[in-house]
């Protein structure tokens, strides 16, 4: 078993491997007065240290969507373990915006937070 000191060392070591910065965006919804909803995005966390990696698929970077093939544009985002992020958020990194598809939670020895992203 890891003790608290070991886990803290792991977290600090992982953060040294984050070459990029990203912003985490949170949505706000408001009625538009005509029965619809306006969604606006605002930065909830700015300049978060991160690492963004493109995901490769076994099927030549294509996935099946609605009985047709489309290019796969998945990414893995690594963040400090304590960073708050949900599947309702978006991320901008190097001027590109991504939807958060999944967030890892509940793992043992939480040294890093990982998310699956798709480009907007």
C-alpha atoms as a PDB file:
ATOM      1  CA  UNK A   1       0.000   0.000   0.000  1.00  0.00           C
ATOM      2  CA  UNK A   2       1.074   3.539  -0.679  1.00  0.00           C
ATOM      3  CA  UNK A   3       1.180   5.978   2.168  1.00  0.00           C
ATOM      4  CA  UNK A   4       0.127   9.630   1.853  1.00  0.00           C
ATOM      5  CA  UNK A   5       3.699  10.809   1.302  1.00  0.00           C
ATOM      6  CA  UNK A   6       4.231   8.336  -1.559  1.00  0.00           C
ATOM      7  CA  UNK A   7       0.978   9.345  -3.235  1.00  0.00           C
ATOM      8  CA  UNK A   8       1.842  13.045  -2.950  1.00  0.00           C
ATOM      9  CA  UNK A   9       5.235  12.332  -4.540  1.00  0.00           C
ATOM     10  CA  UNK A  10       3.498  10.526  -7.426  1.00  0.00           C
ATOM     11  CA  UNK A  11       1.138  13.486  -7.958  1.00  0.00           C
ATOM     12  CA  UNK A  12       4.002  15.989  -8.019  1.00  0.00           C
ATOM     13  CA  UNK A  13       5.987  13.791 -10.400  1.00  0.00           C
ATOM     14  CA  UNK A  14       3.068  13.455 -12.824  1.00  0.00           C
ATOM     15  CA  UNK A  15       2.487  17.224 -12.884  1.00  0.00           C
ATOM     16  CA  UNK A  16       6.058  17.741 -14.089  1.00  0.00           C
ATOM     17  CA  UNK A  17       5.027  15.900 -17.274  1.00  0.00           C
ATOM     18  CA  UNK A  18       2.336  18.445 -18.259  1.00  0.00           C
ATOM     19  CA  UNK A  19       3.755  20.502 -21.164  1.00  0.00           C
ATOM     20  CA  UNK A  20       0.548  22.417 -22.002  1.00  0.00           C
ATOM     21  CA  UNK A  21      -2.042  24.710 -20.457  1.00  0.00           C
ATOM     22  CA  UNK A  22      -5.794  24.530 -20.986  1.00  0.00           C
ATOM     23  CA  UNK A  23      -8.932  26.344 -19.884  1.00  0.00           C
ATOM     24  CA  UNK A  24     -11.967  24.489 -18.535  1.00  0.00           C
ATOM     25  CA  UNK A  25     -15.305  25.933 -19.659  1.00  0.00           C
ATOM     26  CA  UNK A  26     -18.643  25.594 -17.884  1.00  0.00           C
ATOM     27  CA  UNK A  27     -22.012  26.202 -19.542  1.00  0.00           C
ATOM     28  CA  UNK A  28     -24.802  28.478 -18.398  1.00  0.00           C
ATOM     29  CA  UNK A  29     -28.283  28.011 -19.813  1.00  0.00           C
ATOM     30  CA  UNK A  30     -30.925  30.737 -19.998  1.00  0.00           C
ATOM     31  CA  UNK A  31     -34.371  30.866 -21.574  1.00  0.00           C
ATOM     32  CA  UNK A  32     -34.402  32.797 -24.851  1.00  0.00           C
ATOM     33  CA  UNK A  33     -37.998  34.029 -24.426  1.00  0.00           C
ATOM     34  CA  UNK A  34     -39.246  31.980 -27.369  1.00  0.00           C
ATOM     35  CA  UNK A  35     -39.355  28.539 -25.744  1.00  0.00           C
ATOM     36  CA  UNK A  36     -35.709  27.750 -26.430  1.00  0.00           C
ATOM     37  CA  UNK A  37     -32.507  27.915 -24.456  1.00  0.00           C
ATOM     38  CA  UNK A  38     -29.340  29.934 -25.009  1.00  0.00           C
ATOM     39  CA  UNK A  39     -26.126  28.255 -23.890  1.00  0.00           C
ATOM     40  CA  UNK A  40     -23.083  30.357 -23.070  1.00  0.00           C
ATOM     41  CA  UNK A  41     -19.645  29.059 -22.107  1.00  0.00           C
ATOM     42  CA  UNK A  42     -17.386  30.747 -19.569  1.00  0.00           C
ATOM     43  CA  UNK A  43     -13.960  29.872 -18.205  1.00  0.00           C
ATOM     44  CA  UNK A  44     -14.190  28.209 -14.795  1.00  0.00           C
ATOM     45  CA  UNK A  45     -10.470  27.297 -14.543  1.00  0.00           C
ATOM     46  CA  UNK A  46      -7.792  29.141 -16.508  1.00  0.00           C
ATOM     47  CA  UNK A  47      -4.259  28.001 -17.433  1.00  0.00           C
ATOM     48  CA  UNK A  48      -4.591  24.501 -15.995  1.00  0.00           C
ATOM     49  CA  UNK A  49      -1.421  22.419 -16.523  1.00  0.00           C
ATOM     50  CA  UNK A  50      -2.223  19.493 -18.821  1.00  0.00           C
ATOM     51  CA  UNK A  51      -1.121  17.032 -21.466  1.00  0.00           C
ATOM     52  CA  UNK A  52      -3.235  16.391 -24.569  1.00  0.00           C
ATOM     53  CA  UNK A  53      -2.726  13.149 -26.530  1.00  0.00           C
ATOM     54  CA  UNK A  54      -4.460  12.068 -29.728  1.00  0.00           C
ATOM     55  CA  UNK A  55      -6.115   8.631 -29.501  1.00  0.00           C
ATOM     56  CA  UNK A  56      -5.469   6.173 -32.283  1.00  0.00           C
ATOM     57  CA  UNK A  57      -8.039   3.572 -33.254  1.00  0.00           C
ATOM     58  CA  UNK A  58      -7.486   0.155 -34.726  1.00  0.00           C
ATOM     59  CA  UNK A  59      -9.758   0.993 -37.663  1.00  0.00           C
ATOM     60  CA  UNK A  60      -7.539   3.525 -39.448  1.00  0.00           C
ATOM     61  CA  UNK A  61      -8.864   6.534 -37.476  1.00  0.00           C
ATOM     62  CA  UNK A  62     -12.502   5.963 -38.392  1.00  0.00           C
ATOM     63  CA  UNK A  63     -15.557   5.105 -36.311  1.00  0.00           C
ATOM     64  CA  UNK A  64     -19.066   3.996 -37.205  1.00  0.00           C
ATOM     65  CA  UNK A  65     -21.658   6.703 -36.629  1.00  0.00           C
ATOM     66  CA  UNK A  66     -25.214   6.240 -37.857  1.00  0.00           C
ATOM     67  CA  UNK A  67     -24.253   3.335 -40.172  1.00  0.00           C
ATOM     68  CA  UNK A  68     -21.514   5.371 -41.847  1.00  0.00           C
ATOM     69  CA  UNK A  69     -17.812   5.863 -41.272  1.00  0.00           C
ATOM     70  CA  UNK A  70     -16.461   9.164 -40.032  1.00  0.00           C
ATOM     71  CA  UNK A  71     -12.984  10.263 -38.977  1.00  0.00           C
ATOM     72  CA  UNK A  72     -12.198   9.568 -35.334  1.00  0.00           C
ATOM     73  CA  UNK A  73     -11.094  12.667 -33.432  1.00  0.00           C
ATOM     74  CA  UNK A  74     -10.651  11.442 -29.872  1.00  0.00           C
ATOM     75  CA  UNK A  75      -8.135  12.785 -27.388  1.00  0.00           C
ATOM     76  CA  UNK A  76      -6.977  11.981 -23.868  1.00  0.00           C
ATOM     77  CA  UNK A  77      -6.480  14.947 -21.565  1.00  0.00           C
ATOM     78  CA  UNK A  78      -4.392  14.495 -18.411  1.00  0.00           C
ATOM     79  CA  UNK A  79      -4.835  17.029 -15.596  1.00  0.00           C
ATOM     80  CA  UNK A  80      -3.758  17.388 -11.969  1.00  0.00           C
ATOM     81  CA  UNK A  81      -5.659  14.796  -9.896  1.00  0.00           C
ATOM     82  CA  UNK A  82      -7.553  17.464  -7.931  1.00  0.00           C
ATOM     83  CA  UNK A  83      -8.847  19.406 -10.946  1.00  0.00           C
ATOM     84  CA  UNK A  84     -12.648  19.660 -11.061  1.00  0.00           C
ATOM     85  CA  UNK A  85     -14.055  18.692 -14.468  1.00  0.00           C
ATOM     86  CA  UNK A  86     -17.249  16.906 -15.598  1.00  0.00           C
ATOM     87  CA  UNK A  87     -18.797  15.600 -18.808  1.00  0.00           C
ATOM     88  CA  UNK A  88     -20.878  18.806 -18.888  1.00  0.00           C
ATOM     89  CA  UNK A  89     -17.720  20.884 -19.433  1.00  0.00           C
ATOM     90  CA  UNK A  90     -15.614  21.857 -22.412  1.00  0.00           C
ATOM     91  CA  UNK A  91     -11.857  22.390 -22.673  1.00  0.00           C
ATOM     92  CA  UNK A  92      -9.833  24.751 -24.834  1.00  0.00           C
ATOM     93  CA  UNK A  93      -6.203  23.905 -25.519  1.00  0.00           C
ATOM     94  CA  UNK A  94      -3.999  25.668 -28.078  1.00  0.00           C
ATOM     95  CA  UNK A  95      -7.027  27.525 -29.430  1.00  0.00           C
ATOM     96  CA  UNK A  96      -9.095  24.377 -30.084  1.00  0.00           C
ATOM     97  CA  UNK A  97     -12.293  23.552 -28.189  1.00  0.00           C
ATOM     98  CA  UNK A  98     -13.225  20.020 -27.085  1.00  0.00           C
ATOM     99  CA  UNK A  99     -16.256  18.407 -25.439  1.00  0.00           C
ATOM    100  CA  UNK A 100     -15.529  16.277 -22.367  1.00  0.00           C
ATOM    101  CA  UNK A 101     -16.856  12.775 -23.126  1.00  0.00           C
ATOM    102  CA  UNK A 102     -15.623  10.837 -20.064  1.00  0.00           C
ATOM    103  CA  UNK A 103     -13.777  11.556 -16.819  1.00  0.00           C
ATOM    104  CA  UNK A 104     -11.995   8.861 -14.839  1.00  0.00           C
ATOM    105  CA  UNK A 105     -13.183   8.687 -11.244  1.00  0.00           C
ATOM    106  CA  UNK A 106     -12.963   6.214  -8.424  1.00  0.00           C
ATOM    107  CA  UNK A 107      -9.574   4.729  -9.250  1.00  0.00           C
ATOM    108  CA  UNK A 108      -7.108   3.707  -6.580  1.00  0.00           C
ATOM    109  CA  UNK A 109      -4.079   5.925  -6.052  1.00  0.00           C
ATOM    110  CA  UNK A 110      -5.502   8.961  -7.833  1.00  0.00           C
ATOM    111  CA  UNK A 111      -2.330  10.569  -9.167  1.00  0.00           C
ATOM    112  CA  UNK A 112      -3.822  12.125 -12.302  1.00  0.00           C
ATOM    113  CA  UNK A 113      -7.283  13.022 -13.681  1.00  0.00           C
ATOM    114  CA  UNK A 114      -7.845  11.744 -17.228  1.00  0.00           C
ATOM    115  CA  UNK A 115     -10.617  12.728 -19.605  1.00  0.00           C
ATOM    116  CA  UNK A 116     -11.627  11.582 -23.061  1.00  0.00           C
ATOM    117  CA  UNK A 117     -12.319  14.528 -25.347  1.00  0.00           C
ATOM    118  CA  UNK A 118     -13.775  15.059 -28.802  1.00  0.00           C
ATOM    119  CA  UNK A 119     -13.159  18.114 -30.911  1.00  0.00           C
ATOM    120  CA  UNK A 120     -16.120  20.476 -31.238  1.00  0.00           C
END
